[in-house]
Amino acid sequence: MIKSKWTSEQLAWKIRRHGVEMTHLSGGSHLGAILSVADIIATLYTNVLNYDVKNPKWEGRDRFILSKGHAGASIYAALAECGFFDVEELKTHYQNGSRLSGHVSHHLPGVDFSTGSLGHGLSVAVGFAYALKKDGRKERSFVVLGDGECDEGSVWEAALFANHFRLNNLCAIVDHNHMQSLDFNENTLEIENFGEKWKTFGWNVIEIDGNNHQELKVAFKRVEEYTKDENHKPTIIIANTIKGFGIPFMENDILWHYRFPHDGWEYDCAVTALHQIKPEGVEDRYTPNSIENPVLPTEKDDINNDHTFSHTWNTTYPEQMRRVDAKSGTNEKVHNV
């Protein structure tokens, strides 16, 4: 029962535009992840998931969990644009007393499970799938994980369980933007060859460009075929994405994992970039005509720099950061905290 008025491309743009505004107004974070996952979320809500906006707890709905709950603004935007609640409420994101907490909250209609503590979403999605299959139901269970999240051991315990019980009604999607927290995945904890790991755990593996809507739709069609075989394995879609996708100066810059667009060139350039890729048939409720005279960055502004931990971390302390211990006479490093 999919009744979205948007195409996946239109909804993805809406998610990105709302994401910029929501983090800008609230001073919230995780915009880079919101931008990378937008195409996956949009395709799910326009082409894949069965749901009823008038009856969010409809028993015939597919179950969905955004396990990487820090990208919750993407789900909030999708749910609002699909009609689960008023779009105007998105402006309350991260505000005191708001239902739209920084990480996904089940207090909103259309949300089955609160997330934010990484490593839990797949286990719950596996539980949904197992219960549905035991009851002989045809509904499916979907979950979107982060790639950094897959450092959690609970993810792999759930993966083993899902294969053992041949949960053909389970589909996991990894937003594989190759970055986590402060650095690239491979500089934090190596996970490649990522697809081979999941195959070893007994899953069907589909690897695609996760920012390409056609590839996403083809992948989900394959998942639909797999669900028809009761003895089939669970499926994982490794969706290779770009963190910050859609706003060039944010792409592959770990700074935007935590930073929000501040007033000035950050906000103006983000909005301008999105208007350059705005699909036909959508309107920008915040800046309908983009920004007429956007503030531009100067050579003094921190843009297009490498902010990864591996690049910026320096263990050498300058001489003025040392002091002599009066009792022992030995040098002691003083950390500037």
C-alpha atoms as a PDB file:
ATOM      1  CA  MET A   1       0.000   0.000   0.000  1.00  0.00           C
ATOM      2  CA  ILE A   2       2.510   2.588  -1.214  1.00  0.00           C
ATOM      3  CA  LYS A   3       0.852   5.943  -1.856  1.00  0.00           C
ATOM      4  CA  SER A   4       3.715   8.408  -1.945  1.00  0.00           C
ATOM      5  CA  LYS A   5       3.042  11.386  -4.179  1.00  0.00           C
ATOM      6  CA  TRP A   6       6.750  11.701  -4.893  1.00  0.00           C
ATOM      7  CA  THR A   7       9.151   9.831  -7.118  1.00  0.00           C
ATOM      8  CA  SER A   8      12.201   8.475  -5.364  1.00  0.00           C
ATOM      9  CA  GLU A   9      14.343  11.227  -6.915  1.00  0.00           C
ATOM     10  CA  GLN A  10      11.968  13.915  -5.719  1.00  0.00           C
ATOM     11  CA  LEU A  11      11.732  12.516  -2.198  1.00  0.00           C
ATOM     12  CA  ALA A  12      15.509  12.142  -1.954  1.00  0.00           C
ATOM     13  CA  TRP A  13      15.912  15.831  -2.790  1.00  0.00           C
ATOM     14  CA  LYS A  14      13.256  16.719  -0.233  1.00  0.00           C
ATOM     15  CA  ILE A  15      15.099  14.695   2.412  1.00  0.00           C
ATOM     16  CA  ARG A  16      18.348  16.513   1.647  1.00  0.00           C
ATOM     17  CA  ARG A  17      16.740  19.947   1.708  1.00  0.00           C
ATOM     18  CA  HIS A  18      14.900  19.233   4.957  1.00  0.00           C
ATOM     19  CA  GLY A  19      18.096  17.798   6.405  1.00  0.00           C
ATOM     20  CA  VAL A  20      20.003  21.009   5.735  1.00  0.00           C
ATOM     21  CA  GLU A  21      17.236  23.120   7.268  1.00  0.00           C
ATOM     22  CA  MET A  22      16.635  20.899  10.281  1.00  0.00           C
ATOM     23  CA  THR A  23      20.287  20.751  11.296  1.00  0.00           C
ATOM     24  CA  HIS A  24      20.735  24.454  10.542  1.00  0.00           C
ATOM     25  CA  LEU A  25      17.801  25.518  12.731  1.00  0.00           C
ATOM     26  CA  SER A  26      18.618  23.175  15.587  1.00  0.00           C
ATOM     27  CA  GLY A  27      22.403  23.239  15.555  1.00  0.00           C
ATOM     28  CA  GLY A  28      22.127  19.459  15.276  1.00  0.00           C
ATOM     29  CA  SER A  29      24.569  17.097  13.655  1.00  0.00           C
ATOM     30  CA  HIS A  30      25.064  14.162  11.308  1.00  0.00           C
ATOM     31  CA  LEU A  31      24.175  15.971   8.096  1.00  0.00           C
ATOM     32  CA  GLY A  32      26.783  14.002   6.136  1.00  0.00           C
ATOM     33  CA  ALA A  33      25.028  10.738   6.992  1.00  0.00           C
ATOM     34  CA  ILE A  34      21.598  12.219   6.241  1.00  0.00           C
ATOM     35  CA  LEU A  35      22.804  13.172   2.765  1.00  0.00           C
ATOM     36  CA  SER A  36      24.414   9.819   2.012  1.00  0.00           C
ATOM     37  CA  VAL A  37      21.404   7.733   3.044  1.00  0.00           C
ATOM     38  CA  ALA A  38      18.737   9.930   1.402  1.00  0.00           C
ATOM     39  CA  ASP A  39      18.498   7.950  -1.848  1.00  0.00           C
ATOM     40  CA  ILE A  40      18.131   4.643  -0.004  1.00  0.00           C
ATOM     41  CA  ILE A  41      15.384   5.975   2.272  1.00  0.00           C
ATOM     42  CA  ALA A  42      13.567   7.665  -0.610  1.00  0.00           C
ATOM     43  CA  THR A  43      13.557   4.497  -2.717  1.00  0.00           C
ATOM     44  CA  LEU A  44      12.235   2.444   0.184  1.00  0.00           C
ATOM     45  CA  TYR A  45       9.343   4.815   0.874  1.00  0.00           C
ATOM     46  CA  THR A  46       8.345   5.341  -2.759  1.00  0.00           C
ATOM     47  CA  ASN A  47       8.972   1.932  -4.352  1.00  0.00           C
ATOM     48  CA  VAL A  48       9.415  -0.800  -1.763  1.00  0.00           C
ATOM     49  CA  LEU A  49       7.782  -0.587   1.664  1.00  0.00           C
ATOM     50  CA  ASN A  50       4.134  -1.342   2.236  1.00  0.00           C
ATOM     51  CA  TYR A  51       2.616   1.082   4.743  1.00  0.00           C
ATOM     52  CA  ASP A  52      -0.559   3.004   5.519  1.00  0.00           C
ATOM     53  CA  VAL A  53      -0.113   6.613   6.663  1.00  0.00           C
ATOM     54  CA  LYS A  54      -3.627   6.630   8.112  1.00  0.00           C
ATOM     55  CA  ASN A  55      -2.939   3.493  10.119  1.00  0.00           C
ATOM     56  CA  PRO A  56       0.773   3.419  11.046  1.00  0.00           C
ATOM     57  CA  LYS A  57       0.346   0.233  13.102  1.00  0.00           C
ATOM     58  CA  TRP A  58      -1.415  -1.621  10.284  1.00  0.00           C
ATOM     59  CA  GLU A  59      -0.580  -5.309  10.693  1.00  0.00           C
ATOM     60  CA  GLY A  60       0.000  -5.709   6.979  1.00  0.00           C
ATOM     61  CA  ARG A  61       2.835  -3.174   6.909  1.00  0.00           C
ATOM     62  CA  ASP A  62       6.440  -4.047   6.229  1.00  0.00           C
ATOM     63  CA  ARG A  63       8.641  -3.434   9.258  1.00  0.00           C
ATOM     64  CA  PHE A  64      11.438  -0.928   8.878  1.00  0.00           C
ATOM     65  CA  ILE A  65      14.277   0.161  11.155  1.00  0.00           C
ATOM     66  CA  LEU A  66      16.871   2.855  10.567  1.00  0.00           C
ATOM     67  CA  SER A  67      19.589   1.319  12.711  1.00  0.00           C
ATOM     68  CA  LYS A  68      21.977   4.215  12.101  1.00  0.00           C
ATOM     69  CA  GLY A  69      19.693   6.371  14.203  1.00  0.00           C
ATOM     70  CA  HIS A  70      21.950   9.420  14.075  1.00  0.00           C
ATOM     71  CA  ALA A  71      20.667   9.972  10.513  1.00  0.00           C
ATOM     72  CA  GLY A  72      17.157  10.186  11.924  1.00  0.00           C
ATOM     73  CA  ALA A  73      16.344  13.453  10.158  1.00  0.00           C
ATOM     74  CA  SER A  74      16.202  11.467   6.906  1.00  0.00           C
ATOM     75  CA  ILE A  75      13.394   9.298   8.279  1.00  0.00           C
ATOM     76  CA  TYR A  76      11.573  12.245   9.809  1.00  0.00           C
ATOM     77  CA  ALA A  77      11.627  14.042   6.458  1.00  0.00           C
ATOM     78  CA  ALA A  78      10.451  10.956   4.563  1.00  0.00           C
ATOM     79  CA  LEU A  79       7.622  10.252   7.002  1.00  0.00           C
ATOM     80  CA  ALA A  80       6.434  13.868   6.940  1.00  0.00           C
ATOM     81  CA  GLU A  81       6.533  14.088   3.144  1.00  0.00           C
ATOM     82  CA  CYS A  82       4.638  10.799   2.881  1.00  0.00           C
ATOM     83  CA  GLY A  83       1.898  12.107   5.184  1.00  0.00           C
ATOM     84  CA  PHE A  84       2.526  10.502   8.577  1.00  0.00           C
ATOM     85  CA  PHE A  85       2.629  13.939  10.242  1.00  0.00           C
ATOM     86  CA  ASP A  86       2.716  17.603   9.250  1.00  0.00           C
ATOM     87  CA  VAL A  87       5.834  18.757   7.417  1.00  0.00           C
ATOM     88  CA  GLU A  88       5.838  21.947   9.503  1.00  0.00           C
ATOM     89  CA  GLU A  89       6.790  19.863  12.554  1.00  0.00           C
ATOM     90  CA  LEU A  90      10.200  19.186  11.005  1.00  0.00           C
ATOM     91  CA  LYS A  91      11.254  22.648  12.170  1.00  0.00           C
ATOM     92  CA  THR A  92      11.115  21.400  15.761  1.00  0.00           C
ATOM     93  CA  HIS A  93      13.911  18.897  15.181  1.00  0.00           C
ATOM     94  CA  TYR A  94      16.266  18.641  18.179  1.00  0.00           C
ATOM     95  CA  GLN A  95      14.237  21.243  20.109  1.00  0.00           C
ATOM     96  CA  ASN A  96      13.279  20.805  23.759  1.00  0.00           C
ATOM     97  CA  GLY A  97       9.956  19.028  24.033  1.00  0.00           C
ATOM     98  CA  SER A  98       9.916  17.966  20.373  1.00  0.00           C
ATOM     99  CA  ARG A  99       8.976  14.478  19.230  1.00  0.00           C
ATOM    100  CA  LEU A 100      11.802  14.758  16.690  1.00  0.00           C
ATOM    101  CA  SER A 101      14.750  13.859  18.879  1.00  0.00           C
ATOM    102  CA  GLY A 102      18.268  13.867  17.467  1.00  0.00           C
ATOM    103  CA  HIS A 103      18.165  10.081  17.069  1.00  0.00           C
ATOM    104  CA  VAL A 104      15.140   8.159  15.832  1.00  0.00           C
ATOM    105  CA  SER A 105      12.201   8.066  18.247  1.00  0.00           C
ATOM    106  CA  HIS A 106       9.336   5.571  18.214  1.00  0.00           C
ATOM    107  CA  HIS A 107       7.026   8.281  19.556  1.00  0.00           C
ATOM    108  CA  LEU A 108       6.489   9.323  15.943  1.00  0.00           C
ATOM    109  CA  PRO A 109       3.899   7.551  13.789  1.00  0.00           C
ATOM    110  CA  GLY A 110       5.587   5.261  11.292  1.00  0.00           C
ATOM    111  CA  VAL A 111       8.571   4.456  13.510  1.00  0.00           C
ATOM    112  CA  ASP A 112       8.691   0.892  14.842  1.00  0.00           C
ATOM    113  CA  PHE A 113      11.805   1.158  16.992  1.00  0.00           C
ATOM    114  CA  SER A 114      13.909   3.893  18.582  1.00  0.00           C
ATOM    115  CA  THR A 115      17.540   3.759  17.496  1.00  0.00           C
ATOM    116  CA  GLY A 116      20.780   5.533  18.186  1.00  0.00           C
ATOM    117  CA  SER A 117      22.817   3.022  20.149  1.00  0.00           C
ATOM    118  CA  LEU A 118      24.539   1.368  17.222  1.00  0.00           C
ATOM    119  CA  GLY A 119      24.502  -2.380  16.693  1.00  0.00           C
ATOM    120  CA  HIS A 120      20.923  -3.056  17.813  1.00  0.00           C
ATOM    121  CA  GLY A 121      18.852  -2.476  14.697  1.00  0.00           C
ATOM    122  CA  LEU A 122      19.733  -5.652  12.816  1.00  0.00           C
ATOM    123  CA  SER A 123      18.965  -7.811  15.844  1.00  0.00           C
ATOM    124  CA  VAL A 124      15.495  -6.274  16.173  1.00  0.00           C
ATOM    125  CA  ALA A 125      14.860  -6.540  12.420  1.00  0.00           C
ATOM    126  CA  VAL A 126      15.864 -10.206  12.619  1.00  0.00           C
ATOM    127  CA  GLY A 127      13.364 -10.633  15.450  1.00  0.00           C
ATOM    128  CA  PHE A 128      10.636  -9.028  13.365  1.00  0.00           C
ATOM    129  CA  ALA A 129      11.440 -11.291  10.409  1.00  0.00           C
ATOM    130  CA  TYR A 130      11.583 -14.424  12.546  1.00  0.00           C
ATOM    131  CA  ALA A 131       8.248 -13.690  14.211  1.00  0.00           C
ATOM    132  CA  LEU A 132       6.568 -12.893  10.893  1.00  0.00           C
ATOM    133  CA  LYS A 133       7.866 -16.085   9.331  1.00  0.00           C
ATOM    134  CA  LYS A 134       6.854 -18.242  12.314  1.00  0.00           C
ATOM    135  CA  ASP A 135       3.345 -16.795  12.080  1.00  0.00           C
ATOM    136  CA  GLY A 136       3.189 -17.553   8.363  1.00  0.00           C
ATOM    137  CA  ARG A 137       2.836 -13.891   7.438  1.00  0.00           C
ATOM    138  CA  LYS A 138       4.017 -12.342   4.173  1.00  0.00           C
ATOM    139  CA  GLU A 139       5.180  -8.981   5.512  1.00  0.00           C
ATOM    140  CA  ARG A 140       8.885  -8.274   5.271  1.00  0.00           C
ATOM    141  CA  SER A 141      11.503  -6.756   7.551  1.00  0.00           C
ATOM    142  CA  PHE A 142      13.954  -4.091   6.337  1.00  0.00           C
ATOM    143  CA  VAL A 143      16.814  -2.412   8.167  1.00  0.00           C
ATOM    144  CA  VAL A 144      19.368   0.222   7.144  1.00  0.00           C
ATOM    145  CA  LEU A 145      22.724   0.037   8.895  1.00  0.00           C
ATOM    146  CA  GLY A 146      25.828   2.176   8.819  1.00  0.00           C
ATOM    147  CA  ASP A 147      29.114   0.646   7.735  1.00  0.00           C
ATOM    148  CA  GLY A 148      30.897   1.847  10.864  1.00  0.00           C
ATOM    149  CA  GLU A 149      28.099   0.236  12.843  1.00  0.00           C
ATOM    150  CA  CYS A 150      29.209  -3.108  11.464  1.00  0.00           C
ATOM    151  CA  ASP A 151      32.179  -2.961  13.834  1.00  0.00           C
ATOM    152  CA  GLU A 152      29.681  -4.073  16.493  1.00  0.00           C
ATOM    153  CA  GLY A 153      29.775  -7.776  17.350  1.00  0.00           C
ATOM    154  CA  SER A 154      26.001  -7.901  17.809  1.00  0.00           C
ATOM    155  CA  VAL A 155      25.611  -7.252  14.074  1.00  0.00           C
ATOM    156  CA  TRP A 156      27.397 -10.492  13.235  1.00  0.00           C
ATOM    157  CA  GLU A 157      25.539 -12.507  15.878  1.00  0.00           C
ATOM    158  CA  ALA A 158      22.290 -11.386  14.274  1.00  0.00           C
ATOM    159  CA  ALA A 159      23.687 -12.194  10.828  1.00  0.00           C
ATOM    160  CA  LEU A 160      24.400 -15.782  11.896  1.00  0.00           C
ATOM    161  CA  PHE A 161      20.903 -16.171  13.359  1.00  0.00           C
ATOM    162  CA  ALA A 162      19.234 -14.798  10.221  1.00  0.00           C
ATOM    163  CA  ASN A 163      21.047 -17.251   7.963  1.00  0.00           C
ATOM    164  CA  HIS A 164      20.464 -20.212  10.273  1.00  0.00           C
ATOM    165  CA  PHE A 165      16.705 -19.669  10.195  1.00  0.00           C
ATOM    166  CA  ARG A 166      16.685 -18.830   6.459  1.00  0.00           C
ATOM    167  CA  LEU A 167      14.966 -15.488   6.958  1.00  0.00           C
ATOM    168  CA  ASN A 168      14.168 -14.858   3.306  1.00  0.00           C
ATOM    169  CA  ASN A 169      11.808 -12.074   4.429  1.00  0.00           C
ATOM    170  CA  LEU A 170      14.708 -10.010   5.795  1.00  0.00           C
ATOM    171  CA  CYS A 171      16.619  -7.383   3.843  1.00  0.00           C
ATOM    172  CA  ALA A 172      19.443  -5.330   5.316  1.00  0.00           C
ATOM    173  CA  ILE A 173      20.906  -2.340   3.510  1.00  0.00           C
ATOM    174  CA  VAL A 174      24.268  -0.906   4.486  1.00  0.00           C
ATOM    175  CA  ASP A 175      24.791   2.771   3.804  1.00  0.00           C
ATOM    176  CA  HIS A 176      28.434   2.152   2.884  1.00  0.00           C
ATOM    177  CA  ASN A 177      29.721   5.724   2.728  1.00  0.00           C
ATOM    178  CA  HIS A 178      33.174   4.472   3.774  1.00  0.00           C
ATOM    179  CA  MET A 179      33.444   6.923   6.678  1.00  0.00           C
ATOM    180  CA  GLN A 180      32.653   6.755  10.383  1.00  0.00           C
ATOM    181  CA  SER A 181      32.878   9.119  13.292  1.00  0.00           C
ATOM    182  CA  LEU A 182      36.314  10.729  12.773  1.00  0.00           C
ATOM    183  CA  ASP A 183      37.848   9.009   9.752  1.00  0.00           C
ATOM    184  CA  PHE A 184      37.511   6.570   6.857  1.00  0.00           C
ATOM    185  CA  ASN A 185      36.458   3.019   7.763  1.00  0.00           C
ATOM    186  CA  GLU A 186      39.757   1.518   6.709  1.00  0.00           C
ATOM    187  CA  ASN A 187      41.691   3.902   8.961  1.00  0.00           C
ATOM    188  CA  THR A 188      39.419   3.111  11.905  1.00  0.00           C
ATOM    189  CA  LEU A 189      38.858  -0.641  11.730  1.00  0.00           C
ATOM    190  CA  GLU A 190      39.295  -2.494   8.454  1.00  0.00           C
ATOM    191  CA  ILE A 191      36.087  -4.033   7.118  1.00  0.00           C
ATOM    192  CA  GLU A 192      36.945  -4.894   3.524  1.00  0.00           C
ATOM    193  CA  ASN A 193      36.362  -7.162   1.671  1.00  0.00           C
ATOM    194  CA  PHE A 194      32.968  -6.258   3.045  1.00  0.00           C
ATOM    195  CA  GLY A 195      30.797  -8.264   0.670  1.00  0.00           C
ATOM    196  CA  GLU A 196      32.810 -11.447   1.155  1.00  0.00           C
ATOM    197  CA  LYS A 197      32.294 -11.223   4.912  1.00  0.00           C
ATOM    198  CA  TRP A 198      28.525 -11.252   4.494  1.00  0.00           C
ATOM    199  CA  LYS A 199      28.693 -14.104   1.988  1.00  0.00           C
ATOM    200  CA  THR A 200      30.715 -16.105   4.496  1.00  0.00           C
ATOM    201  CA  PHE A 201      27.944 -15.528   7.020  1.00  0.00           C
ATOM    202  CA  GLY A 202      25.496 -17.067   4.561  1.00  0.00           C
ATOM    203  CA  TRP A 203      23.751 -14.020   3.107  1.00  0.00           C
ATOM    204  CA  ASN A 204      22.831 -13.106  -0.447  1.00  0.00           C
ATOM    205  CA  VAL A 205      24.955 -10.069  -1.257  1.00  0.00           C
ATOM    206  CA  ILE A 206      24.057  -7.351  -3.750  1.00  0.00           C
ATOM    207  CA  GLU A 207      26.574  -4.542  -4.231  1.00  0.00           C
ATOM    208  CA  ILE A 208      25.454  -1.324  -5.928  1.00  0.00           C
ATOM    209  CA  ASP A 209      25.906   2.416  -6.184  1.00  0.00           C
ATOM    210  CA  GLY A 210      23.647   3.506  -3.341  1.00  0.00           C
ATOM    211  CA  ASN A 211      23.209   7.021  -4.716  1.00  0.00           C
ATOM    212  CA  ASN A 212      21.903   5.657  -8.034  1.00  0.00           C
ATOM    213  CA  HIS A 213      18.124   5.263  -8.009  1.00  0.00           C
ATOM    214  CA  GLN A 214      17.987   2.849 -10.927  1.00  0.00           C
ATOM    215  CA  GLU A 215      20.486   0.509  -9.282  1.00  0.00           C
ATOM    216  CA  LEU A 216      18.569   0.716  -6.018  1.00  0.00           C
ATOM    217  CA  LYS A 217      15.289  -0.191  -7.713  1.00  0.00           C
ATOM    218  CA  VAL A 218      16.843  -3.149  -9.548  1.00  0.00           C
ATOM    219  CA  ALA A 219      18.380  -4.389  -6.291  1.00  0.00           C
ATOM    220  CA  PHE A 220      15.066  -4.256  -4.452  1.00  0.00           C
ATOM    221  CA  LYS A 221      13.399  -6.155  -7.313  1.00  0.00           C
ATOM    222  CA  ARG A 222      15.944  -8.929  -6.777  1.00  0.00           C
ATOM    223  CA  VAL A 223      15.136  -8.897  -3.068  1.00  0.00           C
ATOM    224  CA  GLU A 224      11.462  -9.305  -3.913  1.00  0.00           C
ATOM    225  CA  GLU A 225      12.276 -12.424  -5.931  1.00  0.00           C
ATOM    226  CA  TYR A 226      14.338 -13.876  -3.092  1.00  0.00           C
ATOM    227  CA  THR A 227      11.457 -13.472  -0.623  1.00  0.00           C
ATOM    228  CA  LYS A 228       9.320 -15.837  -2.697  1.00  0.00           C
ATOM    229  CA  ASP A 229      11.583 -18.790  -1.833  1.00  0.00           C
ATOM    230  CA  GLU A 230      10.854 -19.999   1.700  1.00  0.00           C
ATOM    231  CA  ASN A 231      14.243 -21.702   1.937  1.00  0.00           C
ATOM    232  CA  HIS A 232      16.218 -18.740   0.699  1.00  0.00           C
ATOM    233  CA  LYS A 233      18.788 -16.794   2.657  1.00  0.00           C
ATOM    234  CA  PRO A 234      18.452 -13.253   3.983  1.00  0.00           C
ATOM    235  CA  THR A 235      19.750 -10.554   1.680  1.00  0.00           C
ATOM    236  CA  ILE A 236      22.039  -7.614   2.218  1.00  0.00           C
ATOM    237  CA  ILE A 237      22.424  -4.710  -0.170  1.00  0.00           C
ATOM    238  CA  ILE A 238      25.796  -3.051   0.191  1.00  0.00           C
ATOM    239  CA  ALA A 239      24.949   0.411  -1.079  1.00  0.00           C
ATOM    240  CA  ASN A 240      28.168   2.267  -1.816  1.00  0.00           C
ATOM    241  CA  THR A 241      27.424   5.916  -1.166  1.00  0.00           C
ATOM    242  CA  ILE A 242      29.268   9.190  -0.684  1.00  0.00           C
ATOM    243  CA  LYS A 243      29.063  10.870   2.688  1.00  0.00           C
ATOM    244  CA  GLY A 244      27.602  14.339   2.168  1.00  0.00           C
ATOM    245  CA  PHE A 245      26.323  13.408  -1.313  1.00  0.00           C
ATOM    246  CA  GLY A 246      24.592  16.235  -3.180  1.00  0.00           C
ATOM    247  CA  ILE A 247      26.544  19.113  -1.647  1.00  0.00           C
ATOM    248  CA  PRO A 248      30.034  19.068  -3.198  1.00  0.00           C
ATOM    249  CA  PHE A 249      31.952  20.811  -0.417  1.00  0.00           C
ATOM    250  CA  MET A 250      30.549  18.333   2.117  1.00  0.00           C
ATOM    251  CA  GLU A 251      31.287  15.176   0.117  1.00  0.00           C
ATOM    252  CA  ASN A 252      33.822  12.818   1.695  1.00  0.00           C
ATOM    253  CA  ASP A 253      34.590  15.394   4.383  1.00  0.00           C
ATOM    254  CA  ILE A 254      34.328  13.859   7.852  1.00  0.00           C
ATOM    255  CA  LEU A 255      33.800  17.340   9.293  1.00  0.00           C
ATOM    256  CA  TRP A 256      30.141  17.082   8.288  1.00  0.00           C
ATOM    257  CA  HIS A 257      29.541  13.993  10.348  1.00  0.00           C
ATOM    258  CA  TYR A 258      29.076  16.283  13.331  1.00  0.00           C
ATOM    259  CA  ARG A 259      28.942  19.839  11.981  1.00  0.00           C
ATOM    260  CA  PHE A 260      25.779  21.698  10.981  1.00  0.00           C
ATOM    261  CA  PRO A 261      25.516  24.438   8.319  1.00  0.00           C
ATOM    262  CA  HIS A 262      26.146  27.733  10.087  1.00  0.00           C
ATOM    263  CA  ASP A 263      24.785  31.087   8.980  1.00  0.00           C
ATOM    264  CA  GLY A 264      26.826  32.529   6.131  1.00  0.00           C
ATOM    265  CA  TRP A 265      28.610  30.662   3.375  1.00  0.00           C
ATOM    266  CA  GLU A 266      27.992  27.181   4.848  1.00  0.00           C
ATOM    267  CA  TYR A 267      24.200  27.462   4.745  1.00  0.00           C
ATOM    268  CA  ASP A 268      24.073  29.598   1.603  1.00  0.00           C
ATOM    269  CA  CYS A 269      26.354  27.319  -0.402  1.00  0.00           C
ATOM    270  CA  ALA A 270      24.544  24.185   0.776  1.00  0.00           C
ATOM    271  CA  VAL A 271      21.170  25.535  -0.348  1.00  0.00           C
ATOM    272  CA  THR A 272      22.626  26.792  -3.640  1.00  0.00           C
ATOM    273  CA  ALA A 273      24.178  23.396  -4.363  1.00  0.00           C
ATOM    274  CA  LEU A 274      20.886  21.605  -3.771  1.00  0.00           C
ATOM    275  CA  HIS A 275      19.004  24.000  -6.029  1.00  0.00           C
ATOM    276  CA  GLN A 276      21.430  23.157  -8.810  1.00  0.00           C
ATOM    277  CA  ILE A 277      20.240  19.537  -8.717  1.00  0.00           C
ATOM    278  CA  LYS A 278      16.592  20.118  -7.820  1.00  0.00           C
ATOM    279  CA  PRO A 279      14.330  17.788  -9.825  1.00  0.00           C
ATOM    280  CA  GLU A 280      11.223  19.042 -11.584  1.00  0.00           C
ATOM    281  CA  GLY A 281       7.983  18.955  -9.644  1.00  0.00           C
ATOM    282  CA  VAL A 282       9.316  19.863  -6.195  1.00  0.00           C
ATOM    283  CA  GLU A 283       9.331  23.152  -4.340  1.00  0.00           C
ATOM    284  CA  ASP A 284      11.606  24.462  -1.630  1.00  0.00           C
ATOM    285  CA  ARG A 285       9.373  25.613   1.224  1.00  0.00           C
ATOM    286  CA  TYR A 286      12.276  27.372   2.959  1.00  0.00           C
ATOM    287  CA  THR A 287      14.015  29.262   0.139  1.00  0.00           C
ATOM    288  CA  PRO A 288      11.698  28.918  -2.873  1.00  0.00           C
ATOM    289  CA  ASN A 289      14.013  30.763  -5.260  1.00  0.00           C
ATOM    290  CA  SER A 290      17.243  29.556  -3.694  1.00  0.00           C
ATOM    291  CA  ILE A 291      19.422  32.379  -2.303  1.00  0.00           C
ATOM    292  CA  GLU A 292      19.796  35.397  -4.573  1.00  0.00           C
ATOM    293  CA  ASN A 293      23.201  36.576  -3.378  1.00  0.00           C
ATOM    294  CA  PRO A 294      24.746  33.684  -1.467  1.00  0.00           C
ATOM    295  CA  VAL A 295      27.668  34.353   0.826  1.00  0.00           C
ATOM    296  CA  LEU A 296      30.725  32.617  -0.602  1.00  0.00           C
ATOM    297  CA  PRO A 297      33.704  31.168   1.262  1.00  0.00           C
ATOM    298  CA  THR A 298      36.979  33.054   1.326  1.00  0.00           C
ATOM    299  CA  GLU A 299      40.516  31.736   1.437  1.00  0.00           C
ATOM    300  CA  LYS A 300      40.367  32.054   5.213  1.00  0.00           C
ATOM    301  CA  ASP A 301      37.408  29.681   5.527  1.00  0.00           C
ATOM    302  CA  ASP A 302      37.822  26.021   6.415  1.00  0.00           C
ATOM    303  CA  ILE A 303      36.647  24.342   3.224  1.00  0.00           C
ATOM    304  CA  ASN A 304      37.927  21.419   1.135  1.00  0.00           C
ATOM    305  CA  ASN A 305      40.432  20.458   3.830  1.00  0.00           C
ATOM    306  CA  ASP A 306      41.188  16.977   5.168  1.00  0.00           C
ATOM    307  CA  HIS A 307      39.603  16.746   8.610  1.00  0.00           C
ATOM    308  CA  THR A 308      40.136  13.036   9.197  1.00  0.00           C
ATOM    309  CA  PHE A 309      41.650  11.906  12.471  1.00  0.00           C
ATOM    310  CA  SER A 310      44.523  10.194  10.670  1.00  0.00           C
ATOM    311  CA  HIS A 311      45.426  13.467   8.936  1.00  0.00           C
ATOM    312  CA  THR A 312      44.975  15.933  11.780  1.00  0.00           C
ATOM    313  CA  TRP A 313      46.166  13.947  14.801  1.00  0.00           C
ATOM    314  CA  ASN A 314      49.664  14.906  15.942  1.00  0.00           C
ATOM    315  CA  THR A 315      51.273  13.217  18.946  1.00  0.00           C
ATOM    316  CA  THR A 316      54.190  15.629  19.089  1.00  0.00           C
ATOM    317  CA  TYR A 317      53.788  18.184  21.852  1.00  0.00           C
ATOM    318  CA  PRO A 318      55.607  21.529  21.583  1.00  0.00           C
ATOM    319  CA  GLU A 319      58.226  22.359  24.191  1.00  0.00           C
ATOM    320  CA  GLN A 320      55.944  24.796  25.992  1.00  0.00           C
ATOM    321  CA  MET A 321      53.557  21.920  26.640  1.00  0.00           C
ATOM    322  CA  ARG A 322      56.129  20.221  28.913  1.00  0.00           C
ATOM    323  CA  ARG A 323      56.810  21.005  32.540  1.00  0.00           C
ATOM    324  CA  VAL A 324      59.309  19.653  35.015  1.00  0.00           C
ATOM    325  CA  ASP A 325      57.989  17.611  37.889  1.00  0.00           C
ATOM    326  CA  ALA A 326      59.454  19.421  40.921  1.00  0.00           C
ATOM    327  CA  LYS A 327      59.795  16.263  42.986  1.00  0.00           C
ATOM    328  CA  SER A 328      61.275  13.849  40.475  1.00  0.00           C
ATOM    329  CA  GLY A 329      62.990  16.271  38.133  1.00  0.00           C
ATOM    330  CA  THR A 330      61.580  14.404  35.149  1.00  0.00           C
ATOM    331  CA  ASN A 331      59.782  15.897  32.188  1.00  0.00           C
ATOM    332  CA  GLU A 332      56.051  15.324  32.075  1.00  0.00           C
ATOM    333  CA  LYS A 333      53.745  15.930  29.135  1.00  0.00           C
ATOM    334  CA  VAL A 334      50.860  18.222  29.840  1.00  0.00           C
ATOM    335  CA  HIS A 335      47.771  17.562  27.751  1.00  0.00           C
ATOM    336  CA  ASN A 336      45.841  20.590  26.674  1.00  0.00           C
ATOM    337  CA  VAL A 337      42.249  19.676  27.440  1.00  0.00           C
END
